[in-house]
Amino acid sequence: MSASSSKGKGKELATASPLPGPSSGSANPAASLSALWAYLLPALNHIVKSPTNTPDKAPAIDIGFYAGIHTACYNYFTSQSETKSSAQARTAEPSGTDLYEQLDKYYIDAAREVILGAPQDDSTLIHYIVPCFNRFSAGAMSVNRLLNYINRHYVRRAQDEDKGWLRLNDVLESVAKTITADDSREKISERLKEKRTDELKQWGYKPDGSGATMASAEACAEAASPPDRIISVSSLAHRRFRTEVFEPLLAVPVVKGTKAKNKKIPKATKTTGIPLPKGRLARAVKELLESKGGDEEERVRLVRDLAAALRLVGVRPDHPLRKRLDRFLQNV
């Protein structure tokens, strides 16, 4: 393909019309989960997966389709609540659980498509992963706005019921050490808030406003949580990008030829000179940082975007690869 035709195609992608909604019919998209999902899926695929010339901005859908999805989600949640008796409401899962789990499965599949398309050559891995993540994340943020009713109706309720990213049991042990029998409920609640703030500080939050905002830090903390925690729709997508893409790429390969009873990786020492094996992403970063020549501005951009991606998907700040990327950026 010639350069001119490539530019023309890129321009065409960037100015493509918003995705129209399905033709109106008698089917009610809020009648069942399968009906609602069939209604949502074209919009999700368009927003998350469609090719675009602007990977930091997800493709749009028609305003009528957008409004229709809001209405369908509202009607689906409402109908679920109304069909449950008071006894069922106390024992059954909250309305929207099935839709939330279906969305989680969707993000698993979407993230796996990314890892399946990854190049085998470490030298091109970061050039592939960074734009893929930027595109995936832009889609996730757009879907978060589109399906915000899930956040307001389902996620917020789950968090109020101690099912969110940080649960009482997670902090009870450390908080209990500072609680006395004379402490009031308000004082205990204040200690719990302090613990939550301490957790957010690990993700860059600073109460004086000099660091990341609380919302930004909490999004990272949500993505870092285990898969059983109920989190916002955007963090749900980022968490799956971590579990399905980054974690496999960060995994250290098992050393071949070792017996089952002795699978420990040998430590590198000055005397043995045995190098520690590295995961694919660590090898790719090493090659990128140590490469000579090339476009320095592009290299810095890739490192900065990769560092931001690892943070956003919930890779811990003390991870060796995150620390190496941060050190590089501090010296730029």
C-alpha atoms as a PDB file:
ATOM      1  CA  MET A   1       0.000   0.000   0.000  1.00  0.00           C
ATOM      2  CA  SER A   2       1.363   3.427  -0.937  1.00  0.00           C
ATOM      3  CA  ALA A   3       1.942   6.197   1.572  1.00  0.00           C
ATOM      4  CA  SER A   4      -0.802   8.300   0.031  1.00  0.00           C
ATOM      5  CA  SER A   5      -3.345   5.503   0.207  1.00  0.00           C
ATOM      6  CA  SER A   6      -2.330   4.783   3.812  1.00  0.00           C
ATOM      7  CA  LYS A   7      -2.920   8.410   4.709  1.00  0.00           C
ATOM      8  CA  GLY A   8      -6.242   8.352   2.948  1.00  0.00           C
ATOM      9  CA  LYS A   9      -7.298   5.249   4.802  1.00  0.00           C
ATOM     10  CA  GLY A  10      -6.219   6.735   8.129  1.00  0.00           C
ATOM     11  CA  LYS A  11      -8.231   9.857   7.432  1.00  0.00           C
ATOM     12  CA  GLU A  12     -11.226   7.724   6.528  1.00  0.00           C
ATOM     13  CA  LEU A  13     -10.955   5.800   9.800  1.00  0.00           C
ATOM     14  CA  ALA A  14     -10.630   8.965  11.848  1.00  0.00           C
ATOM     15  CA  THR A  15     -13.712  10.591  10.318  1.00  0.00           C
ATOM     16  CA  ALA A  16     -15.921   7.483  10.175  1.00  0.00           C
ATOM     17  CA  SER A  17     -19.571   8.010  11.057  1.00  0.00           C
ATOM     18  CA  PRO A  18     -20.781   6.871  14.495  1.00  0.00           C
ATOM     19  CA  LEU A  19     -22.119   3.326  14.632  1.00  0.00           C
ATOM     20  CA  PRO A  20     -25.906   3.393  14.120  1.00  0.00           C
ATOM     21  CA  GLY A  21     -28.195   1.410  16.367  1.00  0.00           C
ATOM     22  CA  PRO A  22     -29.933  -1.783  15.266  1.00  0.00           C
ATOM     23  CA  SER A  23     -33.099  -1.448  13.252  1.00  0.00           C
ATOM     24  CA  SER A  24     -36.120  -1.035  15.472  1.00  0.00           C
ATOM     25  CA  GLY A  25     -38.231  -4.124  15.965  1.00  0.00           C
ATOM     26  CA  SER A  26     -40.606  -5.752  18.393  1.00  0.00           C
ATOM     27  CA  ALA A  27     -37.870  -7.391  20.489  1.00  0.00           C
ATOM     28  CA  ASN A  28     -37.382  -5.831  23.906  1.00  0.00           C
ATOM     29  CA  PRO A  29     -33.627  -5.650  24.712  1.00  0.00           C
ATOM     30  CA  ALA A  30     -34.418  -5.570  28.434  1.00  0.00           C
ATOM     31  CA  ALA A  31     -36.449  -8.796  28.346  1.00  0.00           C
ATOM     32  CA  SER A  32     -33.502 -11.043  29.283  1.00  0.00           C
ATOM     33  CA  LEU A  33     -29.742 -11.064  29.655  1.00  0.00           C
ATOM     34  CA  SER A  34     -29.312 -12.701  26.249  1.00  0.00           C
ATOM     35  CA  ALA A  35     -31.508 -10.063  24.598  1.00  0.00           C
ATOM     36  CA  LEU A  36     -29.706  -7.208  26.344  1.00  0.00           C
ATOM     37  CA  TRP A  37     -26.281  -8.633  25.506  1.00  0.00           C
ATOM     38  CA  ALA A  38     -27.206  -9.071  21.847  1.00  0.00           C
ATOM     39  CA  TYR A  39     -28.215  -5.404  21.848  1.00  0.00           C
ATOM     40  CA  LEU A  40     -25.014  -4.243  23.589  1.00  0.00           C
ATOM     41  CA  LEU A  41     -22.456  -6.402  21.795  1.00  0.00           C
ATOM     42  CA  PRO A  42     -22.230  -4.471  18.488  1.00  0.00           C
ATOM     43  CA  ALA A  43     -21.611  -1.262  20.438  1.00  0.00           C
ATOM     44  CA  LEU A  44     -18.972  -2.895  22.662  1.00  0.00           C
ATOM     45  CA  ASN A  45     -17.138  -4.402  19.699  1.00  0.00           C
ATOM     46  CA  HIS A  46     -17.189  -1.072  17.879  1.00  0.00           C
ATOM     47  CA  ILE A  47     -15.938   0.899  20.883  1.00  0.00           C
ATOM     48  CA  VAL A  48     -13.314  -1.595  22.095  1.00  0.00           C
ATOM     49  CA  LYS A  49     -12.131  -3.381  18.953  1.00  0.00           C
ATOM     50  CA  SER A  50     -12.833  -1.362  15.797  1.00  0.00           C
ATOM     51  CA  PRO A  51      -9.737  -0.111  13.925  1.00  0.00           C
ATOM     52  CA  THR A  52      -9.140   3.589  14.405  1.00  0.00           C
ATOM     53  CA  ASN A  53      -6.568   6.146  13.366  1.00  0.00           C
ATOM     54  CA  THR A  54      -6.700   7.722  16.835  1.00  0.00           C
ATOM     55  CA  PRO A  55      -5.980   4.924  19.357  1.00  0.00           C
ATOM     56  CA  ASP A  56      -6.342   7.306  22.302  1.00  0.00           C
ATOM     57  CA  LYS A  57      -9.962   7.997  21.346  1.00  0.00           C
ATOM     58  CA  ALA A  58     -12.575   5.266  20.981  1.00  0.00           C
ATOM     59  CA  PRO A  59     -14.919   5.259  17.969  1.00  0.00           C
ATOM     60  CA  ALA A  60     -18.336   6.749  18.641  1.00  0.00           C
ATOM     61  CA  ILE A  61     -21.800   5.275  18.390  1.00  0.00           C
ATOM     62  CA  ASP A  62     -24.928   7.072  17.245  1.00  0.00           C
ATOM     63  CA  ILE A  63     -26.529   9.256  19.922  1.00  0.00           C
ATOM     64  CA  GLY A  64     -29.821   7.420  19.523  1.00  0.00           C
ATOM     65  CA  PHE A  65     -28.082   4.074  20.057  1.00  0.00           C
ATOM     66  CA  TYR A  66     -26.251   5.545  23.060  1.00  0.00           C
ATOM     67  CA  ALA A  67     -29.525   6.652  24.636  1.00  0.00           C
ATOM     68  CA  GLY A  68     -31.132   3.315  23.788  1.00  0.00           C
ATOM     69  CA  ILE A  69     -28.418   1.436  25.686  1.00  0.00           C
ATOM     70  CA  HIS A  70     -28.918   3.631  28.747  1.00  0.00           C
ATOM     71  CA  THR A  71     -32.654   2.956  28.617  1.00  0.00           C
ATOM     72  CA  ALA A  72     -32.225  -0.785  28.063  1.00  0.00           C
ATOM     73  CA  CYS A  73     -29.850  -1.114  31.037  1.00  0.00           C
ATOM     74  CA  TYR A  74     -32.182   0.881  33.263  1.00  0.00           C
ATOM     75  CA  ASN A  75     -35.189  -1.214  32.243  1.00  0.00           C
ATOM     76  CA  TYR A  76     -33.263  -4.463  32.706  1.00  0.00           C
ATOM     77  CA  PHE A  77     -32.127  -3.584  36.223  1.00  0.00           C
ATOM     78  CA  THR A  78     -35.596  -2.344  37.128  1.00  0.00           C
ATOM     79  CA  SER A  79     -37.348  -5.439  35.811  1.00  0.00           C
ATOM     80  CA  GLN A  80     -34.970  -7.697  37.745  1.00  0.00           C
ATOM     81  CA  SER A  81     -35.694  -5.847  40.969  1.00  0.00           C
ATOM     82  CA  GLU A  82     -39.454  -5.904  40.432  1.00  0.00           C
ATOM     83  CA  THR A  83     -39.667  -9.629  39.671  1.00  0.00           C
ATOM     84  CA  LYS A  84     -38.016 -10.619  42.938  1.00  0.00           C
ATOM     85  CA  SER A  85     -40.170 -11.055  46.004  1.00  0.00           C
ATOM     86  CA  SER A  86     -39.003  -9.556  49.276  1.00  0.00           C
ATOM     87  CA  ALA A  87     -37.771 -12.988  50.414  1.00  0.00           C
ATOM     88  CA  GLN A  88     -35.856 -13.536  47.179  1.00  0.00           C
ATOM     89  CA  ALA A  89     -34.347 -10.068  47.390  1.00  0.00           C
ATOM     90  CA  ARG A  90     -32.709 -10.965  50.701  1.00  0.00           C
ATOM     91  CA  THR A  91     -31.087 -14.156  49.407  1.00  0.00           C
ATOM     92  CA  ALA A  92     -30.606 -13.701  45.663  1.00  0.00           C
ATOM     93  CA  GLU A  93     -27.682 -11.964  44.004  1.00  0.00           C
ATOM     94  CA  PRO A  94     -28.181  -8.230  43.425  1.00  0.00           C
ATOM     95  CA  SER A  95     -29.758  -7.267  40.122  1.00  0.00           C
ATOM     96  CA  GLY A  96     -27.098  -6.677  37.505  1.00  0.00           C
ATOM     97  CA  THR A  97     -24.716  -9.390  38.711  1.00  0.00           C
ATOM     98  CA  ASP A  98     -25.230 -11.433  35.551  1.00  0.00           C
ATOM     99  CA  LEU A  99     -24.584  -8.442  33.280  1.00  0.00           C
ATOM    100  CA  TYR A 100     -21.468  -7.474  35.246  1.00  0.00           C
ATOM    101  CA  GLU A 101     -20.076 -11.000  34.988  1.00  0.00           C
ATOM    102  CA  GLN A 102     -20.865 -11.116  31.266  1.00  0.00           C
ATOM    103  CA  LEU A 103     -18.948  -7.872  30.789  1.00  0.00           C
ATOM    104  CA  ASP A 104     -16.004  -9.318  32.707  1.00  0.00           C
ATOM    105  CA  LYS A 105     -15.952 -12.326  30.360  1.00  0.00           C
ATOM    106  CA  TYR A 106     -16.047  -9.979  27.392  1.00  0.00           C
ATOM    107  CA  TYR A 107     -12.944  -8.159  28.613  1.00  0.00           C
ATOM    108  CA  ILE A 108     -11.179 -11.472  29.220  1.00  0.00           C
ATOM    109  CA  ASP A 109     -11.763 -12.462  25.595  1.00  0.00           C
ATOM    110  CA  ALA A 110     -10.795  -9.024  24.277  1.00  0.00           C
ATOM    111  CA  ALA A 111      -7.541  -9.027  26.260  1.00  0.00           C
ATOM    112  CA  ARG A 112      -6.701 -12.556  25.141  1.00  0.00           C
ATOM    113  CA  GLU A 113      -7.033 -11.450  21.530  1.00  0.00           C
ATOM    114  CA  VAL A 114      -4.300  -8.907  22.251  1.00  0.00           C
ATOM    115  CA  ILE A 115      -1.889 -11.447  23.734  1.00  0.00           C
ATOM    116  CA  LEU A 116      -2.569 -13.939  20.936  1.00  0.00           C
ATOM    117  CA  GLY A 117      -1.562 -11.300  18.396  1.00  0.00           C
ATOM    118  CA  ALA A 118       1.691 -10.409  20.163  1.00  0.00           C
ATOM    119  CA  PRO A 119       4.843 -10.739  18.021  1.00  0.00           C
ATOM    120  CA  GLN A 120       7.364 -13.426  18.905  1.00  0.00           C
ATOM    121  CA  ASP A 121      10.256 -11.007  18.514  1.00  0.00           C
ATOM    122  CA  ASP A 122      11.044  -9.247  21.809  1.00  0.00           C
ATOM    123  CA  SER A 123      12.407  -6.218  19.957  1.00  0.00           C
ATOM    124  CA  THR A 124       8.944  -5.354  18.617  1.00  0.00           C
ATOM    125  CA  LEU A 125       6.870  -6.423  21.622  1.00  0.00           C
ATOM    126  CA  ILE A 126       6.648  -3.010  23.300  1.00  0.00           C
ATOM    127  CA  HIS A 127       5.892  -1.309  19.980  1.00  0.00           C
ATOM    128  CA  TYR A 128       2.912  -3.683  19.756  1.00  0.00           C
ATOM    129  CA  ILE A 129       1.709  -3.685  23.368  1.00  0.00           C
ATOM    130  CA  VAL A 130       1.718   0.076  23.980  1.00  0.00           C
ATOM    131  CA  PRO A 131      -0.677   1.069  21.162  1.00  0.00           C
ATOM    132  CA  CYS A 132      -2.807  -2.015  21.869  1.00  0.00           C
ATOM    133  CA  PHE A 133      -3.193  -0.972  25.480  1.00  0.00           C
ATOM    134  CA  ASN A 134      -3.886   2.657  24.589  1.00  0.00           C
ATOM    135  CA  ARG A 135      -6.631   1.527  22.221  1.00  0.00           C
ATOM    136  CA  PHE A 136      -8.044  -0.956  24.752  1.00  0.00           C
ATOM    137  CA  SER A 137      -7.973   1.620  27.548  1.00  0.00           C
ATOM    138  CA  ALA A 138      -9.671   4.288  25.427  1.00  0.00           C
ATOM    139  CA  GLY A 139     -12.422   1.798  24.678  1.00  0.00           C
ATOM    140  CA  ALA A 140     -12.698   0.849  28.347  1.00  0.00           C
ATOM    141  CA  MET A 141     -13.139   4.472  29.403  1.00  0.00           C
ATOM    142  CA  SER A 142     -15.790   4.992  26.727  1.00  0.00           C
ATOM    143  CA  VAL A 143     -17.673   1.858  27.804  1.00  0.00           C
ATOM    144  CA  ASN A 144     -17.425   3.052  31.409  1.00  0.00           C
ATOM    145  CA  ARG A 145     -19.369   6.168  30.445  1.00  0.00           C
ATOM    146  CA  LEU A 146     -21.797   4.217  28.280  1.00  0.00           C
ATOM    147  CA  LEU A 147     -22.582   1.696  31.029  1.00  0.00           C
ATOM    148  CA  ASN A 148     -22.333   4.085  33.946  1.00  0.00           C
ATOM    149  CA  TYR A 149     -25.683   2.819  35.189  1.00  0.00           C
ATOM    150  CA  ILE A 150     -23.876  -0.393  36.175  1.00  0.00           C
ATOM    151  CA  ASN A 151     -21.457   1.672  38.262  1.00  0.00           C
ATOM    152  CA  ARG A 152     -24.228   3.642  39.939  1.00  0.00           C
ATOM    153  CA  HIS A 153     -26.682   0.815  40.523  1.00  0.00           C
ATOM    154  CA  TYR A 154     -24.541  -2.297  40.960  1.00  0.00           C
ATOM    155  CA  VAL A 155     -20.910  -1.387  41.742  1.00  0.00           C
ATOM    156  CA  ARG A 156     -21.701   1.304  44.288  1.00  0.00           C
ATOM    157  CA  ARG A 157     -24.126  -0.989  46.088  1.00  0.00           C
ATOM    158  CA  ALA A 158     -21.568  -3.808  46.155  1.00  0.00           C
ATOM    159  CA  GLN A 159     -18.959  -1.466  47.607  1.00  0.00           C
ATOM    160  CA  ASP A 160     -21.413  -0.358  50.290  1.00  0.00           C
ATOM    161  CA  GLU A 161     -21.835  -4.052  51.137  1.00  0.00           C
ATOM    162  CA  ASP A 162     -18.059  -4.504  51.588  1.00  0.00           C
ATOM    163  CA  LYS A 163     -17.515  -6.244  48.239  1.00  0.00           C
ATOM    164  CA  GLY A 164     -15.275  -3.596  46.681  1.00  0.00           C
ATOM    165  CA  TRP A 165     -11.529  -3.456  46.052  1.00  0.00           C
ATOM    166  CA  LEU A 166     -10.704  -2.859  49.730  1.00  0.00           C
ATOM    167  CA  ARG A 167     -12.674  -4.895  52.233  1.00  0.00           C
ATOM    168  CA  LEU A 168     -12.909  -4.747  55.977  1.00  0.00           C
ATOM    169  CA  ASN A 169     -10.991  -7.999  56.397  1.00  0.00           C
ATOM    170  CA  ASP A 170      -8.120  -6.571  54.331  1.00  0.00           C
ATOM    171  CA  VAL A 171      -7.467  -3.828  56.840  1.00  0.00           C
ATOM    172  CA  LEU A 172      -8.921  -5.241  60.050  1.00  0.00           C
ATOM    173  CA  GLU A 173      -5.683  -6.767  61.314  1.00  0.00           C
ATOM    174  CA  SER A 174      -3.588  -3.634  60.933  1.00  0.00           C
ATOM    175  CA  VAL A 175      -6.344  -1.336  62.164  1.00  0.00           C
ATOM    176  CA  ALA A 176      -7.179  -3.570  65.120  1.00  0.00           C
ATOM    177  CA  LYS A 177      -3.715  -2.954  66.574  1.00  0.00           C
ATOM    178  CA  THR A 178      -4.532   0.732  66.990  1.00  0.00           C
ATOM    179  CA  ILE A 179      -8.070   0.297  68.345  1.00  0.00           C
ATOM    180  CA  THR A 180      -8.886   0.177  72.042  1.00  0.00           C
ATOM    181  CA  ALA A 181     -12.042  -0.933  73.805  1.00  0.00           C
ATOM    182  CA  ASP A 182     -12.887   2.689  74.578  1.00  0.00           C
ATOM    183  CA  ASP A 183     -12.844   3.825  70.939  1.00  0.00           C
ATOM    184  CA  SER A 184     -16.173   4.960  69.521  1.00  0.00           C
ATOM    185  CA  ARG A 185     -17.620   3.720  66.237  1.00  0.00           C
ATOM    186  CA  GLU A 186     -16.746   7.060  64.662  1.00  0.00           C
ATOM    187  CA  LYS A 187     -13.127   6.715  65.741  1.00  0.00           C
ATOM    188  CA  ILE A 188     -12.914   3.185  64.345  1.00  0.00           C
ATOM    189  CA  SER A 189     -14.405   4.406  61.067  1.00  0.00           C
ATOM    190  CA  GLU A 190     -11.806   7.164  60.963  1.00  0.00           C
ATOM    191  CA  ARG A 191      -9.009   4.616  61.411  1.00  0.00           C
ATOM    192  CA  LEU A 192     -10.393   2.619  58.499  1.00  0.00           C
ATOM    193  CA  LYS A 193     -10.434   5.735  56.326  1.00  0.00           C
ATOM    194  CA  GLU A 194      -6.815   6.381  57.241  1.00  0.00           C
ATOM    195  CA  LYS A 195      -5.893   2.856  56.171  1.00  0.00           C
ATOM    196  CA  ARG A 196      -7.669   3.369  52.856  1.00  0.00           C
ATOM    197  CA  THR A 197      -5.747   6.598  52.322  1.00  0.00           C
ATOM    198  CA  ASP A 198      -2.489   4.776  53.054  1.00  0.00           C
ATOM    199  CA  GLU A 199      -3.352   2.225  50.374  1.00  0.00           C
ATOM    200  CA  LEU A 200      -4.086   4.964  47.844  1.00  0.00           C
ATOM    201  CA  LYS A 201      -0.773   6.668  48.604  1.00  0.00           C
ATOM    202  CA  GLN A 202       0.956   3.596  47.167  1.00  0.00           C
ATOM    203  CA  TRP A 203      -0.644   4.520  43.840  1.00  0.00           C
ATOM    204  CA  GLY A 204       0.547   8.111  43.868  1.00  0.00           C
ATOM    205  CA  TYR A 205      -2.174   9.869  45.835  1.00  0.00           C
ATOM    206  CA  LYS A 206      -1.050  12.765  48.007  1.00  0.00           C
ATOM    207  CA  PRO A 207      -3.533  14.570  50.271  1.00  0.00           C
ATOM    208  CA  ASP A 208      -1.846  17.911  49.568  1.00  0.00           C
ATOM    209  CA  GLY A 209      -2.748  17.642  45.890  1.00  0.00           C
ATOM    210  CA  SER A 210       0.829  17.383  44.606  1.00  0.00           C
ATOM    211  CA  GLY A 211       0.426  13.821  43.336  1.00  0.00           C
ATOM    212  CA  ALA A 212      -2.233  11.789  41.588  1.00  0.00           C
ATOM    213  CA  THR A 213      -5.855  12.551  42.359  1.00  0.00           C
ATOM    214  CA  MET A 214      -7.744  10.226  44.662  1.00  0.00           C
ATOM    215  CA  ALA A 215      -9.894   9.031  41.748  1.00  0.00           C
ATOM    216  CA  SER A 216      -6.813   8.212  39.661  1.00  0.00           C
ATOM    217  CA  ALA A 217      -5.133   6.348  42.521  1.00  0.00           C
ATOM    218  CA  GLU A 218      -8.309   4.443  43.339  1.00  0.00           C
ATOM    219  CA  ALA A 219      -8.681   3.345  39.710  1.00  0.00           C
ATOM    220  CA  CYS A 220      -5.209   1.767  39.924  1.00  0.00           C
ATOM    221  CA  ALA A 221      -5.982   0.177  43.288  1.00  0.00           C
ATOM    222  CA  GLU A 222      -9.190  -1.274  41.860  1.00  0.00           C
ATOM    223  CA  ALA A 223      -7.359  -2.779  38.895  1.00  0.00           C
ATOM    224  CA  ALA A 224      -4.793  -4.302  41.273  1.00  0.00           C
ATOM    225  CA  SER A 225      -7.489  -6.108  43.263  1.00  0.00           C
ATOM    226  CA  PRO A 226      -8.277  -9.836  42.972  1.00  0.00           C
ATOM    227  CA  PRO A 227     -10.873 -10.864  40.351  1.00  0.00           C
ATOM    228  CA  ASP A 228     -13.586 -11.463  42.963  1.00  0.00           C
ATOM    229  CA  ARG A 229     -13.735  -7.772  43.941  1.00  0.00           C
ATOM    230  CA  ILE A 230     -16.512  -5.610  42.478  1.00  0.00           C
ATOM    231  CA  ILE A 231     -14.974  -2.545  40.838  1.00  0.00           C
ATOM    232  CA  SER A 232     -15.915   0.108  38.292  1.00  0.00           C
ATOM    233  CA  VAL A 233     -16.459  -0.888  34.669  1.00  0.00           C
ATOM    234  CA  SER A 234     -13.272   0.829  33.456  1.00  0.00           C
ATOM    235  CA  SER A 235     -11.122  -0.758  36.172  1.00  0.00           C
ATOM    236  CA  LEU A 236     -12.715  -4.110  35.370  1.00  0.00           C
ATOM    237  CA  ALA A 237     -11.290  -3.844  31.850  1.00  0.00           C
ATOM    238  CA  HIS A 238      -7.859  -2.748  33.069  1.00  0.00           C
ATOM    239  CA  ARG A 239      -7.732  -5.575  35.601  1.00  0.00           C
ATOM    240  CA  ARG A 240      -8.352  -8.089  32.826  1.00  0.00           C
ATOM    241  CA  PHE A 241      -5.626  -6.548  30.697  1.00  0.00           C
ATOM    242  CA  ARG A 242      -3.308  -7.166  33.633  1.00  0.00           C
ATOM    243  CA  THR A 243      -4.370 -10.774  34.249  1.00  0.00           C
ATOM    244  CA  GLU A 244      -4.593 -11.801  30.587  1.00  0.00           C
ATOM    245  CA  VAL A 245      -1.814  -9.748  28.946  1.00  0.00           C
ATOM    246  CA  PHE A 246       0.741  -8.243  31.303  1.00  0.00           C
ATOM    247  CA  GLU A 247       0.975 -11.049  33.853  1.00  0.00           C
ATOM    248  CA  PRO A 248       1.750 -13.714  31.213  1.00  0.00           C
ATOM    249  CA  LEU A 249       4.361 -11.381  29.710  1.00  0.00           C
ATOM    250  CA  LEU A 250       5.852 -10.679  33.138  1.00  0.00           C
ATOM    251  CA  ALA A 251       5.942 -14.344  34.159  1.00  0.00           C
ATOM    252  CA  VAL A 252       9.430 -15.775  34.587  1.00  0.00           C
ATOM    253  CA  PRO A 253       9.846 -18.973  32.550  1.00  0.00           C
ATOM    254  CA  VAL A 254      10.490 -22.239  34.353  1.00  0.00           C
ATOM    255  CA  VAL A 255      14.058 -23.447  33.964  1.00  0.00           C
ATOM    256  CA  LYS A 256      14.120 -26.630  31.890  1.00  0.00           C
ATOM    257  CA  GLY A 257      15.997 -29.720  32.952  1.00  0.00           C
ATOM    258  CA  THR A 258      15.366 -29.347  36.679  1.00  0.00           C
ATOM    259  CA  LYS A 259      13.874 -32.152  38.685  1.00  0.00           C
ATOM    260  CA  ALA A 260      10.415 -31.813  40.175  1.00  0.00           C
ATOM    261  CA  LYS A 261      11.781 -31.769  43.707  1.00  0.00           C
ATOM    262  CA  ASN A 262      14.178 -28.955  42.900  1.00  0.00           C
ATOM    263  CA  LYS A 263      12.493 -26.379  40.680  1.00  0.00           C
ATOM    264  CA  LYS A 264      14.099 -23.359  42.269  1.00  0.00           C
ATOM    265  CA  ILE A 265      15.710 -20.976  39.825  1.00  0.00           C
ATOM    266  CA  PRO A 266      19.441 -20.721  40.545  1.00  0.00           C
ATOM    267  CA  LYS A 267      20.567 -17.381  41.876  1.00  0.00           C
ATOM    268  CA  ALA A 268      22.949 -15.358  39.786  1.00  0.00           C
ATOM    269  CA  THR A 269      26.266 -14.892  41.530  1.00  0.00           C
ATOM    270  CA  LYS A 270      29.595 -13.389  40.620  1.00  0.00           C
ATOM    271  CA  THR A 271      31.207 -16.802  40.864  1.00  0.00           C
ATOM    272  CA  THR A 272      28.737 -18.827  38.792  1.00  0.00           C
ATOM    273  CA  GLY A 273      27.753 -16.098  36.354  1.00  0.00           C
ATOM    274  CA  ILE A 274      24.374 -17.789  35.846  1.00  0.00           C
ATOM    275  CA  PRO A 275      21.915 -15.145  34.593  1.00  0.00           C
ATOM    276  CA  LEU A 276      18.442 -15.097  36.044  1.00  0.00           C
ATOM    277  CA  PRO A 277      15.745 -15.854  33.462  1.00  0.00           C
ATOM    278  CA  LYS A 278      13.417 -12.978  32.657  1.00  0.00           C
ATOM    279  CA  GLY A 279       9.868 -12.692  31.443  1.00  0.00           C
ATOM    280  CA  ARG A 280       9.232 -11.575  27.870  1.00  0.00           C
ATOM    281  CA  LEU A 281       8.304  -8.029  28.823  1.00  0.00           C
ATOM    282  CA  ALA A 282      11.400  -7.623  31.003  1.00  0.00           C
ATOM    283  CA  ARG A 283      13.588  -8.811  28.127  1.00  0.00           C
ATOM    284  CA  ALA A 284      11.857  -6.423  25.737  1.00  0.00           C
ATOM    285  CA  VAL A 285      12.343  -3.498  28.123  1.00  0.00           C
ATOM    286  CA  LYS A 286      16.017  -4.371  28.571  1.00  0.00           C
ATOM    287  CA  GLU A 287      16.503  -4.426  24.812  1.00  0.00           C
ATOM    288  CA  LEU A 288      14.672  -1.117  24.389  1.00  0.00           C
ATOM    289  CA  LEU A 289      16.598   0.686  27.128  1.00  0.00           C
ATOM    290  CA  GLU A 290      19.997  -0.640  26.095  1.00  0.00           C
ATOM    291  CA  SER A 291      19.579  -0.219  22.345  1.00  0.00           C
ATOM    292  CA  LYS A 292      21.952   2.188  20.640  1.00  0.00           C
ATOM    293  CA  GLY A 293      20.873   4.787  18.138  1.00  0.00           C
ATOM    294  CA  GLY A 294      17.327   5.092  16.880  1.00  0.00           C
ATOM    295  CA  ASP A 295      14.727   7.709  17.718  1.00  0.00           C
ATOM    296  CA  GLU A 296      15.363   8.748  21.328  1.00  0.00           C
ATOM    297  CA  GLU A 297      12.106  10.681  21.561  1.00  0.00           C
ATOM    298  CA  GLU A 298      10.157   7.619  20.445  1.00  0.00           C
ATOM    299  CA  ARG A 299      11.969   5.435  22.968  1.00  0.00           C
ATOM    300  CA  VAL A 300      11.117   7.806  25.821  1.00  0.00           C
ATOM    301  CA  ARG A 301       7.491   7.905  24.691  1.00  0.00           C
ATOM    302  CA  LEU A 302       7.268   4.109  24.658  1.00  0.00           C
ATOM    303  CA  VAL A 303       8.809   3.840  28.121  1.00  0.00           C
ATOM    304  CA  ARG A 304       6.518   6.536  29.519  1.00  0.00           C
ATOM    305  CA  ASP A 305       3.399   4.941  28.012  1.00  0.00           C
ATOM    306  CA  LEU A 306       4.389   1.473  29.201  1.00  0.00           C
ATOM    307  CA  ALA A 307       5.049   2.743  32.736  1.00  0.00           C
ATOM    308  CA  ALA A 308       1.652   4.456  32.763  1.00  0.00           C
ATOM    309  CA  ALA A 309      -0.037   1.292  31.474  1.00  0.00           C
ATOM    310  CA  LEU A 310       1.534  -0.925  34.140  1.00  0.00           C
ATOM    311  CA  ARG A 311       0.373   1.491  36.826  1.00  0.00           C
ATOM    312  CA  LEU A 312      -3.148   1.764  35.439  1.00  0.00           C
ATOM    313  CA  VAL A 313      -3.678  -1.999  35.254  1.00  0.00           C
ATOM    314  CA  GLY A 314      -2.549  -2.442  38.846  1.00  0.00           C
ATOM    315  CA  VAL A 315       1.008  -3.765  38.636  1.00  0.00           C
ATOM    316  CA  ARG A 316       2.422  -2.912  42.062  1.00  0.00           C
ATOM    317  CA  PRO A 317       4.802   0.067  42.416  1.00  0.00           C
ATOM    318  CA  ASP A 318       7.502  -2.153  43.934  1.00  0.00           C
ATOM    319  CA  HIS A 319       7.570  -4.504  40.937  1.00  0.00           C
ATOM    320  CA  PRO A 320      11.160  -4.599  39.579  1.00  0.00           C
ATOM    321  CA  LEU A 321      10.097  -3.683  36.057  1.00  0.00           C
ATOM    322  CA  ARG A 322       8.080  -0.688  37.197  1.00  0.00           C
ATOM    323  CA  LYS A 323      11.017   0.483  39.292  1.00  0.00           C
ATOM    324  CA  ARG A 324      13.381   0.148  36.335  1.00  0.00           C
ATOM    325  CA  LEU A 325      11.095   2.155  34.059  1.00  0.00           C
ATOM    326  CA  ASP A 326      10.675   4.842  36.714  1.00  0.00           C
ATOM    327  CA  ARG A 327      14.439   5.135  37.173  1.00  0.00           C
ATOM    328  CA  PHE A 328      14.896   5.590  33.439  1.00  0.00           C
ATOM    329  CA  LEU A 329      12.236   8.307  33.261  1.00  0.00           C
ATOM    330  CA  GLN A 330      13.713  10.152  36.234  1.00  0.00           C
ATOM    331  CA  ASN A 331      16.978  10.521  34.329  1.00  0.00           C
ATOM    332  CA  VAL A 332      15.431  11.683  31.065  1.00  0.00           C
END
